[in-house]
Structures are given as structure tokens and as C-alpha cells.
């Protein structure tokens, strides 16, 4: 460990880290305030499962449609401004979705919210990585852990509002205003200046030497591998979000309360993995941490599917969540450091393409489940781990 790692960050850097943490928190909390309201919205609109499924797919569709513009906006206006502006407009979209009186308005509002969320996602990660470079050590995983805390907080706010009988309009307006104010205050403490400062302006002496300039085919292969790594992480997350409860209740006949523990175990273990992830990355390097985590996910979930029991499956989902905790932050970090690309371009491409995992994973797993069984469909989790083992070589090794 070099002297640079041991230096104390400047006050402006510490404030910027806290500001980015607030942006991640608000991003996680905003959408989570709407999710528990979905059943009520579906009932009020009087729509069936098919129409509901198409309507909620508008959120990832909006993110995919608008995602590629995020890098351009970051270069033009700066990552901090784009992150805050995206947060404000995401809140508007979520409020409009909660007040929608037709399926078209509901889907359109979700499309807007998804597009703005994509801008915020790229911008807040870009600014977080900028702060990380000034720290000279890994801190990006802690931001993603704070996003998880925000999601839990937002969901809890919604649950409390429902329990107290608060209508959707006042509830979602309150949420949008509170987190808009938080984001605007955070903007004041973000790093000043452009996002494209020369590398010499930051202290990164602890890092391994930068990759040799790469262009053309090699850069394309590295970027493709990073997309696959990030997508593997999203596939595992979606498997827990979309299928864990169903698999435990229908295939393994767990009670309703116990069936919900599969997703809770995955998210909880993922949070723990992100909390400890920065220290592990600093000590062992992105490559070793990602491959070790991928092996944990593949073995843990593979064993749970091979010998299907309720406790084993819950532990399997926990292993999967812990194993993939650092994958998306690692892929974003590496993409942002790729030479030969405009600032923000690599990060934008990875963020955009990995969202295809959220869009395509549910129907693919569903088709496999219909043709065989959901147990076979969930093989996507250990296969995602094996994919990271193969592609993990593009990540940086341990620091010198």
C-alpha cells in the first residue's frame, strides 16, 4: 500500500463524497416510493395482467431509449448538474404515474421516469468515479450500497403512507419534493469544474498503471466484456426480484412469508457485499474480487438448484447476491477508464446495454420455465457466474 492510499482526502473531496452518496440515496428512494403503489394503480385503472406488464415495461424501455444521450449531456453540462436535473424530472415522472387516470398516461409517465433515471444513473456514477479518483482508492461500491439503503427507505415510506391511508398524490408529491430538495443541496457540495480534468490533476498514485492506449477492435472487445459482466450482475438481481418468491412458493411450497425471504436474502447479502467491497477491491483488485464473487454465486445457487430445499434456496440467493455485489460498479469503473473513448462514453454504453438484462431476463426465464421448469430457468444465475469467470480478465488486477 502506498503513501497515497494513506493520505487524508481534502475537505472538498469528503464533502463531494457525501454529496454523491445523497444523490445515490435519492435515486434509490424515489422509484421505491412508487413500487408498493402498483397493485392499487392496477386496480384503479381496471387493467389485466398483460396490459399491466406492458405498462410497467415502459420504465426500462424509457431508460434504454434515452440512455445513450447521457454521455453527451454529462460532457455538455457536467455530471453533477445532469444527476440533479435527472433526479428532479424522475420525481415528476413518478408523481405523474401515481396520478395517472389511464393506461397510456401511466405508461408515458413511467417512460419519462425511466429516461430521466438513466441520465441520473450515468451522471451520478460518473461523478462518483471522479471523486474516487481524487480519493485514490475504491469507494464506488459504498455508493451502490447507499442506493440500496435508499430503496429500502423509499419502500418503507410508501408502506407507511399506505398503512396511514395517505392518498397517492400527497404521498408521491411529498417524496418528490423532499428528495428534490436533498439533491439540490447535494449539488452545492459536488466537485467544481469540468468532468474532463487531466489525469495529472488528481492523486491516483496507488492505482496500477493505466492501460496502454487501445483503439478499434481491442477496445470493442474489452467494452463488450464489461457489458457482459454488468449484465451478469443485472441478470442475478432480476432473478431474485422476479422469480425468487414464485420459485419458493410454487416449486418448493414455502409459505408466503417464507417465500419472500429469497429476495430479501439476495438484496441483504448484496448490500453487505457492497459495504465490504471497496476494502476487498483495494486489497485484492477488481479482477480477483469479481471472479471470487462469481464463483460464490455459481456454486451457491448451483448447489441450491441441484438439491432443492427451502433453506438451501434462500442461502443460494444470498450467495448469489453477495457474489455479484461488486460487478456493476466494477464494470462501470473500468468502462469509464477505457482509453480511446470520449469522457463518459464507456460508462454510458455499459449502463445502457446492461439495462437490456432487466428488460430481456424476465421473458427469457419465463419461456424456459414454461418449456421445462422454473428450476431450469433459474440456471441463469450460476451461468451468469460462469460468464464473469470467463470475462473477468478485463478487470484490473491487484494494485502494486
Protein backbone atom coordinates (compact mmCIF):
# COMPACT_ATOMS: atom_id res chain seq x y z
CA UNK A 1 0.00 0.00 0.00
CA UNK A 2 1.47 3.33 -1.00
CA UNK A 3 1.54 6.61 0.83
CA UNK A 4 -1.21 7.94 -1.48
CA UNK A 5 -3.68 5.44 -0.11
CA UNK A 6 -2.98 6.58 3.44
CA UNK A 7 -3.36 10.30 2.77
CA UNK A 8 -6.37 12.07 4.20
CA UNK A 9 -8.74 13.32 1.48
CA UNK A 10 -9.23 17.08 1.28
CA UNK A 11 -12.35 18.59 2.81
CA UNK A 12 -13.78 19.35 -0.63
CA UNK A 13 -13.39 15.66 -1.54
CA UNK A 14 -15.09 14.48 1.64
CA UNK A 15 -17.99 16.86 1.02
CA UNK A 16 -18.24 15.69 -2.57
CA UNK A 17 -18.34 12.06 -1.43
CA UNK A 18 -21.22 12.86 0.92
CA UNK A 19 -23.00 14.74 -1.88
CA UNK A 20 -22.72 11.79 -4.26
CA UNK A 21 -23.98 9.49 -1.51
CA UNK A 22 -27.06 11.72 -1.16
CA UNK A 23 -27.66 11.51 -4.93
CA UNK A 24 -27.48 7.70 -4.86
CA UNK A 25 -29.79 7.62 -1.84
CA UNK A 26 -32.41 9.82 -3.51
CA UNK A 27 -32.20 7.81 -6.73
CA UNK A 28 -32.90 4.59 -4.86
CA UNK A 29 -35.68 6.10 -2.75
CA UNK A 30 -37.68 7.87 -5.48
CA UNK A 31 -38.79 4.87 -7.54
CA UNK A 32 -39.13 2.68 -4.44
CA UNK A 33 -41.88 5.04 -3.25
CA UNK A 34 -43.96 4.10 -6.29
CA UNK A 35 -43.46 0.31 -6.40
CA UNK A 36 -45.73 -0.57 -3.42
CA UNK A 37 -48.46 1.52 -5.06
CA UNK A 38 -48.54 -0.64 -8.20
CA UNK A 39 -51.32 -3.01 -7.07
CA UNK A 40 -53.57 -0.07 -6.19
CA UNK A 41 -52.82 1.68 -9.50
CA UNK A 42 -53.56 -1.54 -11.42
CA UNK A 43 -56.89 -1.92 -9.62
CA UNK A 44 -57.87 1.73 -10.11
CA UNK A 45 -57.09 1.58 -13.83
CA UNK A 46 -59.01 -1.69 -14.17
CA UNK A 47 -56.40 -3.38 -16.34
CA UNK A 48 -55.42 -7.02 -16.69
CA UNK A 49 -52.04 -8.63 -16.17
CA UNK A 50 -50.97 -8.34 -19.82
CA UNK A 51 -51.73 -4.60 -20.06
CA UNK A 52 -50.15 -4.01 -16.67
CA UNK A 53 -47.00 -5.88 -17.68
CA UNK A 54 -46.64 -3.83 -20.86
CA UNK A 55 -47.26 -0.60 -18.97
CA UNK A 56 -44.59 -1.15 -16.29
CA UNK A 57 -42.13 -2.23 -19.00
CA UNK A 58 -42.24 1.41 -20.12
CA UNK A 59 -39.77 2.30 -17.34
CA UNK A 60 -36.85 0.17 -18.63
CA UNK A 61 -37.91 0.98 -22.19
CA UNK A 62 -37.54 4.70 -21.45
CA UNK A 63 -34.12 4.08 -19.92
CA UNK A 64 -32.97 2.19 -22.99
CA UNK A 65 -34.40 4.75 -25.41
CA UNK A 66 -32.72 7.71 -23.74
CA UNK A 67 -29.67 6.13 -22.16
CA UNK A 68 -27.19 6.80 -24.96
CA UNK A 69 -27.73 10.55 -24.66
CA UNK A 70 -26.46 10.56 -21.07
CA UNK A 71 -22.79 10.80 -22.02
CA UNK A 72 -23.45 13.78 -24.29
CA UNK A 73 -25.34 15.58 -21.52
CA UNK A 74 -22.60 14.86 -18.98
CA UNK A 75 -19.94 16.32 -21.29
CA UNK A 76 -22.11 19.35 -22.07
CA UNK A 77 -23.48 20.25 -18.63
CA UNK A 78 -21.35 18.29 -16.14
CA UNK A 79 -22.16 15.09 -14.28
CA UNK A 80 -23.41 16.79 -11.09
CA UNK A 81 -25.92 19.02 -12.88
CA UNK A 82 -27.20 16.14 -15.02
CA UNK A 83 -27.59 13.89 -11.97
CA UNK A 84 -29.61 16.51 -10.09
CA UNK A 85 -31.67 17.51 -13.12
CA UNK A 86 -32.45 13.86 -13.82
CA UNK A 87 -33.49 13.39 -10.19
CA UNK A 88 -35.94 16.30 -10.37
CA UNK A 89 -37.53 15.04 -13.59
CA UNK A 90 -37.63 11.45 -12.33
CA UNK A 91 -39.70 12.69 -9.40
CA UNK A 92 -42.06 14.46 -11.82
CA UNK A 93 -42.49 11.29 -13.87
CA UNK A 94 -43.15 9.15 -10.79
CA UNK A 95 -45.72 11.66 -9.48
CA UNK A 96 -47.46 11.68 -12.88
CA UNK A 97 -47.51 7.87 -12.93
CA UNK A 98 -49.10 7.80 -9.49
CA UNK A 99 -51.81 10.25 -10.56
CA UNK A 100 -52.44 8.69 -14.00
CA UNK A 101 -56.08 8.15 -14.92
CA UNK A 102 -55.40 5.98 -17.97
CA UNK A 103 -53.01 3.24 -19.03
CA UNK A 104 -51.49 5.49 -21.71
CA UNK A 105 -50.70 8.26 -19.21
CA UNK A 106 -49.36 5.71 -16.71
CA UNK A 107 -47.03 4.14 -19.29
CA UNK A 108 -45.98 7.52 -20.66
CA UNK A 109 -45.09 8.80 -17.19
CA UNK A 110 -43.07 5.66 -16.47
CA UNK A 111 -41.29 6.07 -19.82
CA UNK A 112 -40.30 9.62 -18.82
CA UNK A 113 -39.21 8.49 -15.35
CA UNK A 114 -37.13 5.67 -16.84
CA UNK A 115 -35.41 8.00 -19.30
CA UNK A 116 -34.55 10.50 -16.57
CA UNK A 117 -33.42 7.70 -14.26
CA UNK A 118 -30.96 6.58 -16.96
CA UNK A 119 -29.48 10.10 -17.10
CA UNK A 120 -29.19 10.20 -13.32
CA UNK A 121 -27.63 6.75 -13.16
CA UNK A 122 -24.84 7.55 -15.60
CA UNK A 123 -24.21 11.03 -14.20
CA UNK A 124 -24.08 10.07 -10.51
CA UNK A 125 -21.74 7.17 -11.27
CA UNK A 126 -19.53 9.45 -13.39
CA UNK A 127 -19.30 11.97 -10.55
CA UNK A 128 -18.75 9.21 -8.00
CA UNK A 129 -15.88 7.83 -10.07
CA UNK A 130 -14.44 11.33 -10.32
CA UNK A 131 -14.50 11.58 -6.53
CA UNK A 132 -12.96 8.10 -6.29
CA UNK A 133 -10.03 9.18 -8.46
CA UNK A 134 -9.36 12.06 -6.08
CA UNK A 135 -9.51 9.68 -3.10
CA UNK A 136 -7.01 7.36 -4.75
CA UNK A 137 -8.84 4.25 -3.53
CA UNK A 138 -12.06 2.39 -4.21
CA UNK A 139 -15.23 3.98 -2.81
CA UNK A 140 -17.75 3.38 -5.62
CA UNK A 141 -19.20 0.21 -4.06
CA UNK A 142 -20.22 2.19 -0.98
CA UNK A 143 -22.32 4.47 -3.22
CA UNK A 144 -24.22 1.48 -4.59
CA UNK A 145 -24.73 0.21 -1.03
CA UNK A 146 -26.27 3.57 -0.15
CA UNK A 147 -28.55 3.24 -3.17
CA UNK A 148 -29.84 0.02 -1.58
CA UNK A 149 -30.48 1.86 1.69
CA UNK A 150 -32.40 4.48 -0.27
CA UNK A 151 -34.53 1.82 -1.93
CA UNK A 152 -35.40 0.30 1.44
CA UNK A 153 -36.19 3.75 2.82
CA UNK A 154 -38.43 4.61 -0.12
CA UNK A 155 -40.30 1.35 0.13
CA UNK A 156 -40.78 1.87 3.86
CA UNK A 157 -42.12 5.38 3.25
CA UNK A 158 -44.66 4.00 0.79
CA UNK A 159 -45.68 1.21 3.16
CA UNK A 160 -46.19 3.73 5.95
CA UNK A 161 -48.23 6.01 3.69
CA UNK A 162 -50.45 3.10 2.66
CA UNK A 163 -50.91 2.00 6.26
CA UNK A 164 -51.90 5.53 7.28
CA UNK A 165 -54.32 5.85 4.38
CA UNK A 166 -52.43 8.69 2.69
CA UNK A 167 -53.54 9.12 -0.93
CA UNK A 168 -51.03 8.57 -3.75
CA UNK A 169 -50.95 12.22 -4.80
CA UNK A 170 -49.89 13.79 -1.47
CA UNK A 171 -47.56 10.86 -0.73
CA UNK A 172 -45.68 10.99 -4.05
CA UNK A 173 -45.64 14.81 -4.09
CA UNK A 174 -44.06 14.80 -0.63
CA UNK A 175 -41.50 12.23 -1.78
CA UNK A 176 -40.65 14.19 -4.94
CA UNK A 177 -40.22 17.48 -3.05
CA UNK A 178 -38.14 16.02 -0.21
CA UNK A 179 -35.70 14.25 -2.50
CA UNK A 180 -35.58 17.16 -4.95
CA UNK A 181 -34.51 19.45 -2.11
CA UNK A 182 -31.92 16.89 -0.96
CA UNK A 183 -30.49 16.60 -4.48
CA UNK A 184 -30.32 20.38 -4.92
CA UNK A 185 -28.49 20.78 -1.61
CA UNK A 186 -26.08 17.98 -2.64
CA UNK A 187 -25.30 19.81 -5.88
CA UNK A 188 -23.74 22.64 -3.90
CA UNK A 189 -21.11 20.28 -2.50
CA UNK A 190 -20.28 18.31 -5.65
CA UNK A 191 -16.85 18.76 -7.20
CA UNK A 192 -16.44 22.03 -9.09
CA UNK A 193 -15.08 22.34 -12.60
CA UNK A 194 -15.45 20.09 -15.65
CA UNK A 195 -15.56 16.32 -15.58
CA UNK A 196 -12.74 16.06 -18.08
CA UNK A 197 -9.89 17.31 -15.91
CA UNK A 198 -6.48 15.89 -16.92
CA UNK A 199 -5.35 12.81 -15.06
CA UNK A 200 -2.48 14.78 -13.59
CA UNK A 201 -4.90 16.93 -11.63
CA UNK A 202 -5.87 14.07 -9.36
CA UNK A 203 -3.92 11.94 -6.91
CA UNK A 204 -4.08 8.37 -8.08
CA UNK A 205 -0.60 7.18 -7.33
CA UNK A 206 -1.87 4.00 -5.76
CA UNK A 207 -3.50 2.78 -8.92
CA UNK A 208 -1.96 0.34 -11.30
CA UNK A 209 -0.54 1.92 -14.43
CA UNK A 210 -3.22 2.87 -16.93
CA UNK A 211 -3.83 0.52 -19.79
CA UNK A 212 -1.84 1.20 -22.88
CA UNK A 213 -3.83 3.25 -25.37
CA UNK A 214 -6.23 0.91 -27.12
CA UNK A 215 -8.35 1.64 -30.11
CA UNK A 216 -10.56 -0.14 -32.57
CA UNK A 217 -11.12 -3.86 -32.19
CA UNK A 218 -9.38 -4.31 -28.82
CA UNK A 219 -11.34 -1.51 -27.17
CA UNK A 220 -14.52 -3.01 -28.59
CA UNK A 221 -13.72 -6.44 -27.14
CA UNK A 222 -12.92 -5.01 -23.71
CA UNK A 223 -16.09 -2.93 -23.72
CA UNK A 224 -18.16 -5.97 -24.78
CA UNK A 225 -16.69 -8.00 -21.91
CA UNK A 226 -17.51 -5.23 -19.44
CA UNK A 227 -21.09 -5.13 -20.72
CA UNK A 228 -21.36 -8.90 -20.20
CA UNK A 229 -20.02 -8.57 -16.65
CA UNK A 230 -22.52 -5.82 -15.79
CA UNK A 231 -25.34 -7.73 -17.48
CA UNK A 232 -24.48 -10.82 -15.45
CA UNK A 233 -24.99 -8.76 -12.32
CA UNK A 234 -28.37 -7.48 -13.53
CA UNK A 235 -29.49 -11.00 -14.52
CA UNK A 236 -28.89 -12.24 -10.99
CA UNK A 237 -30.64 -9.22 -9.47
CA UNK A 238 -33.65 -9.71 -11.73
CA UNK A 239 -33.79 -13.43 -10.98
CA UNK A 240 -34.21 -12.59 -7.31
CA UNK A 241 -36.62 -9.73 -7.97
CA UNK A 242 -38.86 -11.52 -10.49
CA UNK A 243 -38.65 -15.21 -9.65
CA UNK A 244 -37.34 -15.93 -6.12
CA UNK A 245 -40.71 -15.63 -4.38
CA UNK A 246 -42.51 -17.55 -7.12
CA UNK A 247 -39.96 -20.39 -7.13
CA UNK A 248 -40.02 -20.77 -3.35
CA UNK A 249 -43.81 -20.68 -3.11
CA UNK A 250 -44.86 -22.67 -6.20
CA UNK A 251 -41.98 -25.08 -6.78
CA UNK A 252 -40.84 -25.62 -3.18
CA UNK A 253 -44.23 -24.97 -1.48
CA UNK A 254 -42.88 -22.45 1.03
CA UNK A 255 -45.34 -20.27 2.95
CA UNK A 256 -45.98 -16.76 1.61
CA UNK A 257 -43.92 -15.14 4.37
CA UNK A 258 -41.02 -17.55 3.92
CA UNK A 259 -41.12 -17.28 0.13
CA UNK A 260 -40.43 -13.55 0.36
CA UNK A 261 -37.16 -14.30 2.19
CA UNK A 262 -35.45 -15.35 -1.04
CA UNK A 263 -35.38 -11.84 -2.49
CA UNK A 264 -34.71 -10.31 0.92
CA UNK A 265 -31.70 -12.61 1.33
CA UNK A 266 -30.35 -11.64 -2.08
CA UNK A 267 -30.71 -7.89 -1.52
CA UNK A 268 -29.40 -8.07 2.04
CA UNK A 269 -26.35 -10.07 1.04
CA UNK A 270 -25.74 -7.75 -1.90
CA UNK A 271 -25.77 -4.78 0.48
CA UNK A 272 -23.20 -6.49 2.71
CA UNK A 273 -21.06 -7.30 -0.32
CA UNK A 274 -21.07 -3.65 -1.39
CA UNK A 275 -20.24 -2.41 2.10
CA UNK A 276 -17.11 -4.59 2.26
CA UNK A 277 -16.46 -4.47 -1.49
CA UNK A 278 -14.27 -1.35 -1.53
CA UNK A 279 -11.82 -2.76 1.00
CA UNK A 280 -11.68 -6.07 -0.84
CA UNK A 281 -11.05 -4.32 -4.16
CA UNK A 282 -8.28 -2.18 -2.66
CA UNK A 283 -6.61 -5.26 -1.22
CA UNK A 284 -7.12 -7.88 -3.92
CA UNK A 285 -8.07 -5.95 -7.07
CA UNK A 286 -11.25 -5.81 -9.16
CA UNK A 287 -10.41 -8.97 -11.09
CA UNK A 288 -9.93 -11.26 -8.09
CA UNK A 289 -12.95 -9.90 -6.23
CA UNK A 290 -15.25 -10.24 -9.25
CA UNK A 291 -14.11 -13.78 -10.08
CA UNK A 292 -14.28 -14.92 -6.46
CA UNK A 293 -17.76 -13.47 -6.15
CA UNK A 294 -18.82 -15.10 -9.41
CA UNK A 295 -17.61 -18.46 -8.10
CA UNK A 296 -19.58 -17.97 -4.86
CA UNK A 297 -22.72 -17.13 -6.85
CA UNK A 298 -22.32 -20.04 -9.26
CA UNK A 299 -21.57 -22.64 -6.58
CA UNK A 300 -24.09 -21.31 -4.07
CA UNK A 301 -27.06 -21.07 -6.44
CA UNK A 302 -25.98 -24.11 -8.46
CA UNK A 303 -25.96 -26.21 -5.31
CA UNK A 304 -29.35 -24.84 -4.27
CA UNK A 305 -30.84 -25.81 -7.63
CA UNK A 306 -29.17 -29.21 -7.64
CA UNK A 307 -30.58 -30.08 -4.20
CA UNK A 308 -33.81 -28.02 -3.95
CA UNK A 309 -34.79 -27.21 -0.37
CA UNK A 310 -36.28 -24.03 1.05
CA UNK A 311 -33.36 -23.21 3.42
CA UNK A 312 -30.81 -24.13 0.77
CA UNK A 313 -32.52 -21.97 -1.85
CA UNK A 314 -32.66 -18.96 0.47
CA UNK A 315 -28.94 -19.41 1.15
CA UNK A 316 -28.36 -19.84 -2.57
CA UNK A 317 -29.99 -16.50 -3.35
CA UNK A 318 -27.95 -14.91 -0.55
CA UNK A 319 -24.74 -16.33 -2.05
CA UNK A 320 -25.76 -15.01 -5.45
CA UNK A 321 -26.46 -11.52 -4.10
CA UNK A 322 -23.17 -11.37 -2.22
CA UNK A 323 -21.26 -12.74 -5.19
CA UNK A 324 -22.46 -10.19 -7.73
CA UNK A 325 -22.40 -7.18 -5.37
CA UNK A 326 -19.37 -5.51 -6.99
CA UNK A 327 -19.97 -6.45 -10.64
CA UNK A 328 -21.91 -3.41 -11.86
CA UNK A 329 -19.68 -0.86 -10.05
CA UNK A 330 -16.57 -2.66 -11.34
CA UNK A 331 -17.76 -2.70 -14.94
CA UNK A 332 -18.75 0.98 -14.76
CA UNK A 333 -15.39 1.94 -13.29
CA UNK A 334 -13.41 0.05 -15.88
CA UNK A 335 -15.52 1.39 -18.75
CA UNK A 336 -15.04 4.95 -17.50
CA UNK A 337 -11.26 4.42 -17.55
CA UNK A 338 -11.07 2.95 -21.06
CA UNK A 339 -8.63 4.86 -23.27
CA UNK A 340 -9.59 5.91 -26.75
CA UNK A 341 -13.16 6.90 -25.83
CA UNK A 342 -14.71 10.30 -25.17
CA UNK A 343 -15.26 11.06 -21.46
CA UNK A 344 -18.38 9.33 -20.22
CA UNK A 345 -18.87 7.26 -23.39
CA UNK A 346 -17.74 3.92 -21.96
CA UNK A 347 -19.76 4.39 -18.78
CA UNK A 348 -22.83 5.39 -20.81
CA UNK A 349 -22.61 2.34 -23.09
CA UNK A 350 -22.23 -0.11 -20.21
CA UNK A 351 -25.07 1.48 -18.24
CA UNK A 352 -27.31 1.49 -21.32
CA UNK A 353 -26.65 -2.05 -22.52
CA UNK A 354 -26.81 -3.67 -19.08
CA UNK A 355 -30.41 -2.46 -18.80
CA UNK A 356 -31.25 -4.92 -21.54
CA UNK A 357 -30.71 -7.57 -18.88
CA UNK A 358 -33.61 -6.17 -16.86
CA UNK A 359 -35.76 -5.93 -19.99
CA UNK A 360 -34.99 -9.33 -21.52
CA UNK A 361 -34.35 -11.53 -18.49
CA UNK A 362 -37.98 -11.99 -17.30
CA UNK A 363 -39.38 -13.19 -20.66
CA UNK A 364 -36.37 -15.43 -21.33
CA UNK A 365 -36.57 -17.11 -17.92
CA UNK A 366 -40.34 -17.33 -18.31
CA UNK A 367 -40.08 -19.05 -21.69
CA UNK A 368 -37.59 -21.58 -20.34
CA UNK A 369 -39.79 -22.14 -17.29
CA UNK A 370 -42.86 -22.77 -19.45
CA UNK A 371 -40.95 -25.18 -21.67
CA UNK A 372 -39.27 -27.06 -18.79
CA UNK A 373 -39.50 -25.75 -15.23
CA UNK A 374 -38.65 -22.63 -13.26
CA UNK A 375 -35.87 -24.58 -11.60
CA UNK A 376 -34.22 -24.94 -15.02
CA UNK A 377 -34.93 -21.30 -15.85
CA UNK A 378 -33.08 -20.17 -12.72
CA UNK A 379 -29.91 -21.79 -14.06
CA UNK A 380 -29.38 -18.29 -15.46
CA UNK A 381 -27.88 -17.42 -12.05
CA UNK A 382 -24.98 -19.93 -11.98
CA UNK A 383 -24.49 -19.38 -15.71
CA UNK A 384 -24.09 -15.66 -15.05
CA UNK A 385 -21.38 -16.51 -12.51
CA UNK A 386 -19.56 -18.66 -15.07
CA UNK A 387 -19.80 -15.82 -17.59
CA UNK A 388 -17.99 -13.49 -15.17
CA UNK A 389 -15.29 -16.09 -14.57
CA UNK A 390 -14.63 -16.10 -18.32
CA UNK A 391 -14.81 -12.33 -18.88
CA UNK A 392 -13.26 -11.18 -15.60
CA UNK A 393 -9.78 -10.95 -17.09
CA UNK A 394 -10.56 -7.48 -18.48
CA UNK A 395 -10.87 -6.08 -14.95
CA UNK A 396 -7.85 -4.58 -13.24
CA UNK A 397 -5.65 -6.82 -11.09
CA UNK A 398 -4.41 -6.06 -7.62
CA UNK A 399 -2.59 -2.76 -7.12
CA UNK A 400 1.15 -2.81 -6.71
